[in-house]
Amino acid sequence: MGLLTFCINVTLDGCIDHREAVADDQTHAFFTRLMDESGAMLWGRVTYELMESHWPAVARGDVAAPPAMREWAIKLEAKPKYVVSSTRKDFSWNNSHRITGDLRTGMQKLKDATPAGVLLGGNKLAIELERLDLIDEYKFLVNPRIAGHGPTLYQGSLPRTRRLELVSAAPLRSGAVAVHYRRAR
């Protein structure tokens, strides 16, 4: 069974607005490596649509992008992408699949079928999966910024504090720090 890993950019004050993150080559290389190490991507509908509106065009070369961003886009195009949505049923982006039915059951099936693990992006779905105790580890890129606005990580939506164990922390040239935590058992 693969692990479910929540991965996201976050500022020092918890803002997860992607426009507040450092978007340099090292950041894209970090996220490309995480994607390479996982067997699938997982998003809620809103995050999926945000990704779908940009990255396929980058992968096709329709949008000018630095080499690190193009590499990310091309690899993302090939990666299995799973979407949790109660409203959207058609997903035309290459290799996209909808998770239907009971969320706990669907996620367990996905984890069982993906030994290399599943990389989760997006806060709303992460909140629901956290409530179900399904997230196994966390890989955050903590950006050296204080945004002063939201949306913020989890936004007070958890029923209790979750204890984590530090696996690693590594600084990037930009001043961001890649942190890896596992759930404390």
Protein backbone atom coordinates (compact mmCIF):
# COMPACT_ATOMS: atom_id res chain seq x y z
CA MET A 1 0.00 0.00 0.00
CA GLY A 2 1.28 3.45 -0.93
CA LEU A 3 1.37 6.46 1.34
CA LEU A 4 -0.82 9.52 0.90
CA THR A 5 1.42 12.59 1.08
CA PHE A 6 0.04 16.12 1.38
CA CYS A 7 2.35 18.49 -0.47
CA ILE A 8 1.89 22.24 -0.77
CA ASN A 9 3.63 25.63 -0.79
CA VAL A 10 3.01 27.63 2.39
CA THR A 11 4.26 30.99 3.70
CA LEU A 12 5.51 31.48 7.24
CA ASP A 13 2.06 32.73 8.29
CA GLY A 14 0.29 29.75 6.72
CA CYS A 15 -0.89 31.31 3.45
CA ILE A 16 -1.30 28.73 0.68
CA ASP A 17 -2.10 31.13 -2.17
CA HIS A 18 0.13 29.77 -4.97
CA ARG A 19 0.91 33.33 -6.10
CA GLU A 20 2.79 33.92 -2.82
CA ALA A 21 5.24 31.06 -3.36
CA VAL A 22 8.76 31.39 -4.73
CA ALA A 23 8.55 30.04 -8.29
CA ASP A 24 12.18 29.51 -9.28
CA ASP A 25 13.89 26.58 -11.00
CA GLN A 26 14.89 24.95 -7.70
CA THR A 27 11.27 25.07 -6.49
CA HIS A 28 10.03 23.44 -9.69
CA ALA A 29 12.81 20.84 -9.49
CA PHE A 30 11.72 20.07 -5.90
CA PHE A 31 8.11 19.49 -6.93
CA THR A 32 9.17 17.54 -10.03
CA ARG A 33 11.24 15.20 -7.84
CA LEU A 34 8.27 14.68 -5.51
CA MET A 35 6.05 13.90 -8.48
CA ASP A 36 8.67 11.50 -9.90
CA GLU A 37 8.75 9.64 -6.58
CA SER A 38 4.97 9.22 -6.42
CA GLY A 39 2.68 6.98 -8.42
CA ALA A 40 -0.21 9.42 -8.83
CA MET A 41 -1.48 12.94 -8.20
CA LEU A 42 -4.69 13.69 -6.26
CA TRP A 43 -6.72 16.89 -6.21
CA GLY A 44 -10.16 18.19 -5.51
CA ARG A 45 -12.07 19.68 -8.44
CA VAL A 46 -11.03 23.31 -7.86
CA THR A 47 -7.30 22.52 -7.69
CA TYR A 48 -7.62 20.13 -10.65
CA GLU A 49 -9.25 22.85 -12.74
CA LEU A 50 -6.55 25.35 -11.76
CA MET A 51 -3.87 22.87 -12.87
CA GLU A 52 -5.80 21.85 -16.01
CA SER A 53 -6.17 25.47 -17.10
CA HIS A 54 -2.40 25.99 -17.32
CA TRP A 55 -0.10 22.96 -17.35
CA PRO A 56 -1.28 21.09 -20.48
CA ALA A 57 -0.54 24.22 -22.55
CA VAL A 58 2.94 24.42 -21.01
CA ALA A 59 3.53 20.73 -21.78
CA ARG A 60 2.48 21.26 -25.43
CA GLY A 61 4.78 24.26 -25.76
CA ASP A 62 1.87 26.67 -26.31
CA VAL A 63 3.03 28.79 -23.36
CA ALA A 64 6.59 30.06 -22.95
CA ALA A 65 8.15 28.55 -19.85
CA PRO A 66 11.61 27.98 -18.38
CA PRO A 67 13.02 24.45 -18.76
CA ALA A 68 12.23 23.41 -15.16
CA MET A 69 8.57 24.39 -15.58
CA ARG A 70 8.33 22.61 -18.93
CA GLU A 71 9.85 19.47 -17.41
CA TRP A 72 7.25 19.58 -14.61
CA ALA A 73 4.43 20.05 -17.13
CA ILE A 74 5.52 17.20 -19.39
CA LYS A 75 5.85 14.79 -16.47
CA LEU A 76 2.52 15.94 -15.05
CA GLU A 77 0.88 15.27 -18.41
CA ALA A 78 1.92 11.60 -18.20
CA LYS A 79 1.23 11.10 -14.48
CA PRO A 80 -2.06 9.51 -13.38
CA LYS A 81 -4.26 12.28 -11.97
CA TYR A 82 -7.18 11.51 -9.64
CA VAL A 83 -9.94 13.97 -8.84
CA VAL A 84 -12.51 14.02 -6.07
CA SER A 85 -15.59 15.85 -7.31
CA SER A 86 -19.30 15.55 -6.70
CA THR A 87 -20.14 17.98 -9.51
CA ARG A 88 -17.83 17.36 -12.45
CA LYS A 89 -17.96 14.04 -14.24
CA ASP A 90 -15.91 14.52 -17.42
CA PHE A 91 -12.15 14.88 -17.25
CA SER A 92 -10.50 15.22 -20.65
CA TRP A 93 -6.99 16.03 -19.43
CA ASN A 94 -4.70 13.11 -20.26
CA ASN A 95 -4.69 10.27 -17.71
CA SER A 96 -7.32 11.86 -15.40
CA HIS A 97 -9.69 9.74 -13.32
CA ARG A 98 -12.58 10.56 -11.00
CA ILE A 99 -12.87 9.01 -7.54
CA THR A 100 -16.50 8.20 -6.88
CA GLY A 101 -18.51 6.87 -3.97
CA ASP A 102 -17.45 6.88 -0.34
CA LEU A 103 -14.29 8.99 0.07
CA ARG A 104 -12.66 6.70 2.66
CA THR A 105 -13.23 3.61 0.52
CA GLY A 106 -12.13 5.32 -2.68
CA MET A 107 -8.95 6.63 -1.09
CA GLN A 108 -8.09 3.26 0.43
CA LYS A 109 -8.51 1.62 -2.99
CA LEU A 110 -6.28 4.28 -4.57
CA LYS A 111 -3.59 3.85 -1.90
CA ASP A 112 -3.75 0.06 -2.25
CA ALA A 113 -3.42 0.30 -6.05
CA THR A 114 -0.54 2.82 -5.94
CA PRO A 115 2.48 1.33 -4.13
CA ALA A 116 4.67 4.33 -5.04
CA GLY A 117 2.22 6.57 -3.17
CA VAL A 118 -0.16 9.38 -3.96
CA LEU A 119 0.76 13.07 -3.87
CA LEU A 120 -2.12 15.25 -2.65
CA GLY A 121 -2.35 18.93 -3.50
CA GLY A 122 -5.01 21.40 -2.43
CA ASN A 123 -6.27 22.44 0.97
CA LYS A 124 -10.00 21.67 0.82
CA LEU A 125 -9.54 18.00 -0.02
CA ALA A 126 -6.68 17.78 2.49
CA ILE A 127 -9.05 18.94 5.24
CA GLU A 128 -11.53 16.17 4.41
CA LEU A 129 -8.81 13.52 4.19
CA GLU A 130 -7.25 14.75 7.43
CA ARG A 131 -10.61 14.38 9.19
CA LEU A 132 -10.69 10.77 7.95
CA ASP A 133 -7.11 10.18 9.24
CA LEU A 134 -5.95 9.20 5.75
CA ILE A 135 -2.93 11.47 5.27
CA ASP A 136 0.29 9.63 6.11
CA GLU A 137 2.91 12.31 5.58
CA TYR A 138 3.40 15.98 4.77
CA LYS A 139 5.94 17.62 2.47
CA PHE A 140 5.66 21.38 2.68
CA LEU A 141 7.78 23.99 1.00
CA VAL A 142 7.82 26.79 3.56
CA ASN A 143 8.44 30.05 1.72
CA PRO A 144 10.34 32.97 3.31
CA ARG A 145 7.36 35.27 3.11
CA ILE A 146 4.64 36.63 5.37
CA ALA A 147 1.58 37.09 3.17
CA GLY A 148 -0.77 38.67 5.67
CA HIS A 149 -3.80 37.21 3.90
CA GLY A 150 -5.42 33.84 3.20
CA PRO A 151 -6.34 31.25 2.30
CA THR A 152 -4.41 29.54 5.03
CA LEU A 153 -3.46 25.96 5.73
CA TYR A 154 -6.43 24.07 7.23
CA GLN A 155 -8.12 27.37 8.26
CA GLY A 156 -9.16 26.13 11.72
CA SER A 157 -11.02 23.17 10.21
CA LEU A 158 -9.57 20.26 12.16
CA PRO A 159 -11.31 18.69 15.13
CA ARG A 160 -8.05 18.19 17.05
CA THR A 161 -4.32 18.82 16.91
CA ARG A 162 -2.33 16.39 14.77
CA ARG A 163 1.12 15.46 16.12
CA LEU A 164 3.85 15.02 13.52
CA GLU A 165 7.41 13.70 13.53
CA LEU A 166 10.11 15.52 11.55
CA VAL A 167 11.75 13.33 8.90
CA SER A 168 13.88 16.00 7.23
CA ALA A 169 14.34 19.69 6.58
CA ALA A 170 16.43 21.17 3.77
CA PRO A 171 16.92 24.83 2.83
CA LEU A 172 16.73 25.97 -0.78
CA ARG A 173 18.74 28.84 -2.29
CA SER A 174 15.63 31.06 -2.23
CA GLY A 175 15.41 30.77 1.56
CA ALA A 176 12.47 28.37 1.37
CA VAL A 177 12.73 25.24 3.51
CA ALA A 178 11.51 21.84 2.34
CA VAL A 179 10.12 20.03 5.37
CA HIS A 180 9.00 16.41 5.51
CA TYR A 181 6.85 15.18 8.40
CA ARG A 182 5.13 11.88 9.16
CA ARG A 183 2.17 11.36 11.40
CA ALA A 184 3.25 10.54 14.92
CA ARG A 185 1.92 7.10 15.84
